[in-house]
């Protein structure tokens, strides 16, 4: 299983996502976005690829499938 998370520094939901994955022994690839241009680029990429409108981080993908943010992660089969 490949878990990808897109995060930013000082975002509590990003920290909670990583902590939850760590506690539950999941490995993941993290991409830390630095600044509004990188973040906006991610949002636009997700809209083009997955047809979703997002405006917050973290954003999570599992095996190339779009999951969403922290709340949506807690509703997946990983729980």
PDB file of N, CA and C in Angstrom:
ATOM      1  N   UNK A   1       0.838  -1.167   0.000  1.00  0.00           N
ATOM      2  CA  UNK A   1       0.000   0.000   0.000  1.00  0.00           C
ATOM      3  C   UNK A   1       0.891   1.241   0.000  1.00  0.00           C
ATOM      4  N   UNK A   2       0.537   2.200  -0.853  1.00  0.00           N
ATOM      5  CA  UNK A   2       1.288   3.442  -0.932  1.00  0.00           C
ATOM      6  C   UNK A   2       0.403   4.587  -0.460  1.00  0.00           C
ATOM      7  N   UNK A   3       0.835   5.246   0.607  1.00  0.00           N
ATOM      8  CA  UNK A   3       0.105   6.388   1.155  1.00  0.00           C
ATOM      9  C   UNK A   3       0.940   7.634   0.896  1.00  0.00           C
ATOM     10  N   UNK A   4       0.327   8.610   0.255  1.00  0.00           N
ATOM     11  CA  UNK A   4       0.983   9.892  -0.002  1.00  0.00           C
ATOM     12  C   UNK A   4       0.210  10.977   0.741  1.00  0.00           C
ATOM     13  N   UNK A   5       0.935  11.844   1.443  1.00  0.00           N
ATOM     14  CA  UNK A   5       0.274  12.960   2.110  1.00  0.00           C
ATOM     15  C   UNK A   5       0.987  14.257   1.718  1.00  0.00           C
ATOM     16  N   UNK A   6       0.180  15.264   1.494  1.00  0.00           N
ATOM     17  CA  UNK A   6       0.672  16.599   1.184  1.00  0.00           C
ATOM     18  C   UNK A   6       0.365  17.473   2.387  1.00  0.00           C
ATOM     19  N   UNK A   7       1.400  18.082   2.944  1.00  0.00           N
ATOM     20  CA  UNK A   7       1.258  18.801   4.202  1.00  0.00           C
ATOM     21  C   UNK A   7       1.908  20.176   4.115  1.00  0.00           C
ATOM     22  N   UNK A   8       1.681  20.947   5.170  1.00  0.00           N
ATOM     23  CA  UNK A   8       2.393  22.201   5.359  1.00  0.00           C
ATOM     24  C   UNK A   8       2.815  22.281   6.822  1.00  0.00           C
ATOM     25  N   UNK A   9       3.850  23.038   7.071  1.00  0.00           N
ATOM     26  CA  UNK A   9       4.372  23.200   8.430  1.00  0.00           C
ATOM     27  C   UNK A   9       3.374  24.020   9.247  1.00  0.00           C
ATOM     28  N   UNK A  10       3.264  23.694  10.519  1.00  0.00           N
ATOM     29  CA  UNK A  10       2.431  24.409  11.492  1.00  0.00           C
ATOM     30  C   UNK A  10       0.934  24.243  11.258  1.00  0.00           C
ATOM     31  N   UNK A  11       0.528  23.221  10.533  1.00  0.00           N
ATOM     32  CA  UNK A  11      -0.894  22.945  10.343  1.00  0.00           C
ATOM     33  C   UNK A  11      -1.253  21.795  11.276  1.00  0.00           C
ATOM     34  N   UNK A  12      -2.143  22.028  12.248  1.00  0.00           N
ATOM     35  CA  UNK A  12      -2.434  20.979  13.221  1.00  0.00           C
ATOM     36  C   UNK A  12      -3.028  19.712  12.598  1.00  0.00           C
ATOM     37  N   UNK A  13      -3.828  19.848  11.550  1.00  0.00           N
ATOM     38  CA  UNK A  13      -4.411  18.659  10.916  1.00  0.00           C
ATOM     39  C   UNK A  13      -3.349  17.828  10.200  1.00  0.00           C
ATOM     40  N   UNK A  14      -2.353  18.494   9.663  1.00  0.00           N
ATOM     41  CA  UNK A  14      -1.240  17.759   9.044  1.00  0.00           C
ATOM     42  C   UNK A  14      -0.502  16.958  10.112  1.00  0.00           C
ATOM     43  N   UNK A  15      -0.260  17.585  11.258  1.00  0.00           N
ATOM     44  CA  UNK A  15       0.401  16.889  12.356  1.00  0.00           C
ATOM     45  C   UNK A  15      -0.424  15.728  12.870  1.00  0.00           C
ATOM     46  N   UNK A  16      -1.734  15.915  12.994  1.00  0.00           N
ATOM     47  CA  UNK A  16      -2.598  14.831  13.475  1.00  0.00           C
ATOM     48  C   UNK A  16      -2.630  13.671  12.485  1.00  0.00           C
ATOM     49  N   UNK A  17      -2.602  13.991  11.194  1.00  0.00           N
ATOM     50  CA  UNK A  17      -2.596  12.934  10.173  1.00  0.00           C
ATOM     51  C   UNK A  17      -1.344  12.087  10.287  1.00  0.00           C
ATOM     52  N   UNK A  18      -0.202  12.736  10.369  1.00  0.00           N
ATOM     53  CA  UNK A  18       1.063  11.993  10.488  1.00  0.00           C
ATOM     54  C   UNK A  18       1.101  11.189  11.783  1.00  0.00           C
ATOM     55  N   UNK A  19       0.637  11.788  12.866  1.00  0.00           N
ATOM     56  CA  UNK A  19       0.632  11.088  14.153  1.00  0.00           C
ATOM     57  C   UNK A  19      -0.271   9.858  14.087  1.00  0.00           C
ATOM     58  N   UNK A  20      -1.443   9.990  13.499  1.00  0.00           N
ATOM     59  CA  UNK A  20      -2.370   8.862  13.388  1.00  0.00           C
ATOM     60  C   UNK A  20      -1.752   7.743  12.561  1.00  0.00           C
ATOM     61  N   UNK A  21      -1.147   8.092  11.429  1.00  0.00           N
ATOM     62  CA  UNK A  21      -0.505   7.084  10.590  1.00  0.00           C
ATOM     63  C   UNK A  21       0.646   6.405  11.329  1.00  0.00           C
ATOM     64  N   UNK A  22       1.444   7.188  12.054  1.00  0.00           N
ATOM     65  CA  UNK A  22       2.570   6.626  12.814  1.00  0.00           C
ATOM     66  C   UNK A  22       2.082   5.680  13.913  1.00  0.00           C
ATOM     67  N   UNK A  23       1.088   6.105  14.672  1.00  0.00           N
ATOM     68  CA  UNK A  23       0.558   5.285  15.766  1.00  0.00           C
ATOM     69  C   UNK A  23       0.019   3.955  15.239  1.00  0.00           C
ATOM     70  N   UNK A  24      -0.580   3.993  14.057  1.00  0.00           N
ATOM     71  CA  UNK A  24      -1.169   2.801  13.474  1.00  0.00           C
ATOM     72  C   UNK A  24      -0.213   2.055  12.541  1.00  0.00           C
ATOM     73  N   UNK A  25       1.062   2.410  12.619  1.00  0.00           N
ATOM     74  CA  UNK A  25       2.136   1.713  11.906  1.00  0.00           C
ATOM     75  C   UNK A  25       1.988   1.706  10.387  1.00  0.00           C
ATOM     76  N   UNK A  26       1.506   2.807   9.830  1.00  0.00           N
ATOM     77  CA  UNK A  26       1.454   2.949   8.385  1.00  0.00           C
ATOM     78  C   UNK A  26       2.654   3.779   7.934  1.00  0.00           C
ATOM     79  N   UNK A  27       3.276   3.351   6.867  1.00  0.00           N
ATOM     80  CA  UNK A  27       4.345   4.158   6.279  1.00  0.00           C
ATOM     81  C   UNK A  27       3.723   5.042   5.200  1.00  0.00           C
ATOM     82  N   UNK A  28       4.321   6.189   4.998  1.00  0.00           N
ATOM     83  CA  UNK A  28       3.773   7.137   4.044  1.00  0.00           C
ATOM     84  C   UNK A  28       4.886   7.989   3.465  1.00  0.00           C
ATOM     85  N   UNK A  29       4.591   8.559   2.321  1.00  0.00           N
ATOM     86  CA  UNK A  29       5.486   9.513   1.690  1.00  0.00           C
ATOM     87  C   UNK A  29       4.885  10.894   1.898  1.00  0.00           C
ATOM     88  N   UNK A  30       5.655  11.780   2.504  1.00  0.00           N
ATOM     89  CA  UNK A  30       5.165  13.126   2.794  1.00  0.00           C
ATOM     90  C   UNK A  30       5.811  14.129   1.850  1.00  0.00           C
ATOM     91  N   UNK A  31       4.987  15.010   1.317  1.00  0.00           N
ATOM     92  CA  UNK A  31       5.473  16.148   0.552  1.00  0.00           C
ATOM     93  C   UNK A  31       5.055  17.393   1.308  1.00  0.00           C
ATOM     94  N   UNK A  32       6.052  18.137   1.801  1.00  0.00           N
ATOM     95  CA  UNK A  32       5.778  19.364   2.544  1.00  0.00           C
ATOM     96  C   UNK A  32       5.769  20.513   1.544  1.00  0.00           C
ATOM     97  N   UNK A  33       4.646  21.206   1.486  1.00  0.00           N
ATOM     98  CA  UNK A  33       4.504  22.323   0.566  1.00  0.00           C
ATOM     99  C   UNK A  33       4.938  23.602   1.267  1.00  0.00           C
ATOM    100  N   UNK A  34       5.699  24.404   0.558  1.00  0.00           N
ATOM    101  CA  UNK A  34       6.292  25.606   1.151  1.00  0.00           C
ATOM    102  C   UNK A  34       5.777  26.838   0.427  1.00  0.00           C
ATOM    103  N   UNK A  35       4.736  27.412   0.944  1.00  0.00           N
ATOM    104  CA  UNK A  35       4.239  28.660   0.400  1.00  0.00           C
ATOM    105  C   UNK A  35       2.957  28.513  -0.392  1.00  0.00           C
ATOM    106  N   UNK A  36       2.262  29.631  -0.569  1.00  0.00           N
ATOM    107  CA  UNK A  36       0.946  29.620  -1.202  1.00  0.00           C
ATOM    108  C   UNK A  36       0.965  29.181  -2.667  1.00  0.00           C
ATOM    109  N   UNK A  37       2.049  29.435  -3.384  1.00  0.00           N
ATOM    110  CA  UNK A  37       2.088  29.048  -4.801  1.00  0.00           C
ATOM    111  C   UNK A  37       2.140  27.531  -4.945  1.00  0.00           C
ATOM    112  N   UNK A  38       2.929  26.868  -4.127  1.00  0.00           N
ATOM    113  CA  UNK A  38       2.992  25.402  -4.163  1.00  0.00           C
ATOM    114  C   UNK A  38       1.652  24.790  -3.746  1.00  0.00           C
ATOM    115  N   UNK A  39       1.052  25.356  -2.714  1.00  0.00           N
ATOM    116  CA  UNK A  39      -0.230  24.838  -2.222  1.00  0.00           C
ATOM    117  C   UNK A  39      -1.307  25.000  -3.295  1.00  0.00           C
ATOM    118  N   UNK A  40      -1.379  26.186  -3.896  1.00  0.00           N
ATOM    119  CA  UNK A  40      -2.366  26.415  -4.949  1.00  0.00           C
ATOM    120  C   UNK A  40      -2.127  25.493  -6.133  1.00  0.00           C
ATOM    121  N   UNK A  41      -0.868  25.233  -6.449  1.00  0.00           N
ATOM    122  CA  UNK A  41      -0.548  24.301  -7.520  1.00  0.00           C
ATOM    123  C   UNK A  41      -1.071  22.900  -7.234  1.00  0.00           C
ATOM    124  N   UNK A  42      -0.950  22.456  -5.990  1.00  0.00           N
ATOM    125  CA  UNK A  42      -1.491  21.147  -5.602  1.00  0.00           C
ATOM    126  C   UNK A  42      -3.004  21.130  -5.778  1.00  0.00           C
ATOM    127  N   UNK A  43      -3.686  22.174  -5.284  1.00  0.00           N
ATOM    128  CA  UNK A  43      -5.147  22.234  -5.399  1.00  0.00           C
ATOM    129  C   UNK A  43      -5.580  22.136  -6.859  1.00  0.00           C
ATOM    130  N   UNK A  44      -4.897  22.868  -7.726  1.00  0.00           N
ATOM    131  CA  UNK A  44      -5.235  22.841  -9.152  1.00  0.00           C
ATOM    132  C   UNK A  44      -4.963  21.469  -9.758  1.00  0.00           C
ATOM    133  N   UNK A  45      -3.868  20.843  -9.358  1.00  0.00           N
ATOM    134  CA  UNK A  45      -3.539  19.510  -9.857  1.00  0.00           C
ATOM    135  C   UNK A  45      -4.587  18.490  -9.431  1.00  0.00           C
ATOM    136  N   UNK A  46      -5.035  18.572  -8.182  1.00  0.00           N
ATOM    137  CA  UNK A  46      -6.067  17.649  -7.693  1.00  0.00           C
ATOM    138  C   UNK A  46      -7.391  17.867  -8.419  1.00  0.00           C
ATOM    139  N   UNK A  47      -7.704  19.120  -8.721  1.00  0.00           N
ATOM    140  CA  UNK A  47      -8.939  19.412  -9.454  1.00  0.00           C
ATOM    141  C   UNK A  47      -8.883  18.801 -10.849  1.00  0.00           C
ATOM    142  N   UNK A  48      -7.749  18.952 -11.523  1.00  0.00           N
ATOM    143  CA  UNK A  48      -7.603  18.416 -12.879  1.00  0.00           C
ATOM    144  C   UNK A  48      -7.622  16.888 -12.860  1.00  0.00           C
ATOM    145  N   UNK A  49      -6.871  16.287 -11.949  1.00  0.00           N
ATOM    146  CA  UNK A  49      -6.710  14.833 -11.930  1.00  0.00           C
ATOM    147  C   UNK A  49      -7.914  14.100 -11.346  1.00  0.00           C
ATOM    148  N   UNK A  50      -8.467  14.626 -10.243  1.00  0.00           N
ATOM    149  CA  UNK A  50      -9.524  13.902  -9.521  1.00  0.00           C
ATOM    150  C   UNK A  50     -10.878  14.611  -9.522  1.00  0.00           C
ATOM    151  N   UNK A  51     -10.937  15.784 -10.168  1.00  0.00           N
ATOM    152  CA  UNK A  51     -12.168  16.563 -10.238  1.00  0.00           C
ATOM    153  C   UNK A  51     -12.728  16.880  -8.848  1.00  0.00           C
ATOM    154  N   UNK A  52     -11.852  17.327  -7.951  1.00  0.00           N
ATOM    155  CA  UNK A  52     -12.263  17.717  -6.602  1.00  0.00           C
ATOM    156  C   UNK A  52     -11.838  19.161  -6.342  1.00  0.00           C
ATOM    157  N   UNK A  53     -12.668  19.884  -5.617  1.00  0.00           N
ATOM    158  CA  UNK A  53     -12.321  21.233  -5.182  1.00  0.00           C
ATOM    159  C   UNK A  53     -11.856  21.152  -3.737  1.00  0.00           C
ATOM    160  N   UNK A  54     -10.601  21.480  -3.507  1.00  0.00           N
ATOM    161  CA  UNK A  54     -10.062  21.443  -2.151  1.00  0.00           C
ATOM    162  C   UNK A  54      -9.464  22.801  -1.823  1.00  0.00           C
ATOM    163  N   UNK A  55      -9.407  23.089  -0.533  1.00  0.00           N
ATOM    164  CA  UNK A  55      -8.846  24.369  -0.110  1.00  0.00           C
ATOM    165  C   UNK A  55      -8.163  24.265   1.247  1.00  0.00           C
ATOM    166  N   UNK A  56      -7.742  23.058   1.591  1.00  0.00           N
ATOM    167  CA  UNK A  56      -7.060  22.882   2.878  1.00  0.00           C
ATOM    168  C   UNK A  56      -6.102  21.698   2.791  1.00  0.00           C
ATOM    169  N   UNK A  57      -5.211  21.664   3.730  1.00  0.00           N
ATOM    170  CA  UNK A  57      -4.264  20.559   3.862  1.00  0.00           C
ATOM    171  C   UNK A  57      -4.498  19.907   5.209  1.00  0.00           C
ATOM    172  N   UNK A  58      -4.152  18.642   5.346  1.00  0.00           N
ATOM    173  CA  UNK A  58      -3.459  17.768   4.416  1.00  0.00           C
ATOM    174  C   UNK A  58      -4.380  17.255   3.316  1.00  0.00           C
ATOM    175  N   UNK A  59      -3.766  16.749   2.268  1.00  0.00           N
ATOM    176  CA  UNK A  59      -4.460  16.018   1.224  1.00  0.00           C
ATOM    177  C   UNK A  59      -3.803  14.647   1.146  1.00  0.00           C
ATOM    178  N   UNK A  60      -4.618  13.606   1.043  1.00  0.00           N
ATOM    179  CA  UNK A  60      -4.129  12.235   1.174  1.00  0.00           C
ATOM    180  C   UNK A  60      -4.553  11.409  -0.034  1.00  0.00           C
ATOM    181  N   UNK A  61      -3.610  10.602  -0.522  1.00  0.00           N
ATOM    182  CA  UNK A  61      -3.867   9.647  -1.592  1.00  0.00           C
ATOM    183  C   UNK A  61      -3.432   8.274  -1.105  1.00  0.00           C
ATOM    184  N   UNK A  62      -4.222   7.253  -1.406  1.00  0.00           N
ATOM    185  CA  UNK A  62      -3.866   5.878  -1.068  1.00  0.00           C
ATOM    186  C   UNK A  62      -3.907   5.063  -2.350  1.00  0.00           C
ATOM    187  N   UNK A  63      -2.772   4.486  -2.701  1.00  0.00           N
ATOM    188  CA  UNK A  63      -2.633   3.715  -3.937  1.00  0.00           C
ATOM    189  C   UNK A  63      -3.143   4.494  -5.146  1.00  0.00           C
ATOM    190  N   UNK A  64      -2.825   5.787  -5.171  1.00  0.00           N
ATOM    191  CA  UNK A  64      -3.198   6.622  -6.299  1.00  0.00           C
ATOM    192  C   UNK A  64      -4.641   7.084  -6.312  1.00  0.00           C
ATOM    193  N   UNK A  65      -5.405   6.676  -5.313  1.00  0.00           N
ATOM    194  CA  UNK A  65      -6.811   7.080  -5.212  1.00  0.00           C
ATOM    195  C   UNK A  65      -6.927   8.251  -4.245  1.00  0.00           C
ATOM    196  N   UNK A  66      -7.681   9.260  -4.633  1.00  0.00           N
ATOM    197  CA  UNK A  66      -7.871  10.421  -3.780  1.00  0.00           C
ATOM    198  C   UNK A  66      -8.727  10.066  -2.570  1.00  0.00           C
ATOM    199  N   UNK A  67      -8.256  10.422  -1.372  1.00  0.00           N
ATOM    200  CA  UNK A  67      -9.002  10.190  -0.128  1.00  0.00           C
ATOM    201  C   UNK A  67      -9.596  11.495   0.377  1.00  0.00           C
ATOM    202  N   UNK A  68      -8.788  12.527   0.483  1.00  0.00           N
ATOM    203  CA  UNK A  68      -9.230  13.806   1.033  1.00  0.00           C
ATOM    204  C   UNK A  68      -8.315  14.219   2.163  1.00  0.00           C
ATOM    205  N   UNK A  69      -8.917  14.793   3.199  1.00  0.00           N
ATOM    206  CA  UNK A  69      -8.161  15.266   4.343  1.00  0.00           C
ATOM    207  C   UNK A  69      -8.189  14.303   5.515  1.00  0.00           C
ATOM    208  N   UNK A  70      -7.864  14.830   6.682  1.00  0.00           N
ATOM    209  CA  UNK A  70      -7.765  14.014   7.886  1.00  0.00           C
ATOM    210  C   UNK A  70      -9.097  13.347   8.232  1.00  0.00           C
ATOM    211  N   UNK A  71     -10.191  14.100   8.178  1.00  0.00           N
ATOM    212  CA  UNK A  71     -11.498  13.524   8.509  1.00  0.00           C
ATOM    213  C   UNK A  71     -11.857  12.371   7.577  1.00  0.00           C
ATOM    214  N   UNK A  72     -11.564  12.531   6.302  1.00  0.00           N
ATOM    215  CA  UNK A  72     -11.862  11.475   5.343  1.00  0.00           C
ATOM    216  C   UNK A  72     -10.959  10.259   5.565  1.00  0.00           C
ATOM    217  N   UNK A  73      -9.724  10.483   5.989  1.00  0.00           N
ATOM    218  CA  UNK A  73      -8.815   9.380   6.312  1.00  0.00           C
ATOM    219  C   UNK A  73      -9.427   8.499   7.398  1.00  0.00           C
ATOM    220  N   UNK A  74     -10.043   9.128   8.382  1.00  0.00           N
ATOM    221  CA  UNK A  74     -10.638   8.375   9.485  1.00  0.00           C
ATOM    222  C   UNK A  74     -11.863   7.571   9.066  1.00  0.00           C
ATOM    223  N   UNK A  75     -12.365   7.814   7.867  1.00  0.00           N
ATOM    224  CA  UNK A  75     -13.524   7.071   7.356  1.00  0.00           C
ATOM    225  C   UNK A  75     -13.131   5.978   6.367  1.00  0.00           C
ATOM    226  N   UNK A  76     -11.835   5.773   6.167  1.00  0.00           N
ATOM    227  CA  UNK A  76     -11.371   4.762   5.209  1.00  0.00           C
ATOM    228  C   UNK A  76     -11.290   3.395   5.862  1.00  0.00           C
ATOM    229  N   UNK A  77     -10.950   2.413   5.052  1.00  0.00           N
ATOM    230  CA  UNK A  77     -10.762   1.050   5.546  1.00  0.00           C
ATOM    231  C   UNK A  77      -9.519   0.906   6.418  1.00  0.00           C
ATOM    232  N   UNK A  78      -8.681   1.940   6.482  1.00  0.00           N
ATOM    233  CA  UNK A  78      -7.481   1.868   7.313  1.00  0.00           C
ATOM    234  C   UNK A  78      -7.827   1.850   8.791  1.00  0.00           C
ATOM    235  N   UNK A  79      -8.982   2.372   9.138  1.00  0.00           N
ATOM    236  CA  UNK A  79      -9.361   2.471  10.561  1.00  0.00           C
ATOM    237  C   UNK A  79      -9.688   1.093  11.095  1.00  0.00           C
TER     238      UNK A  79
END
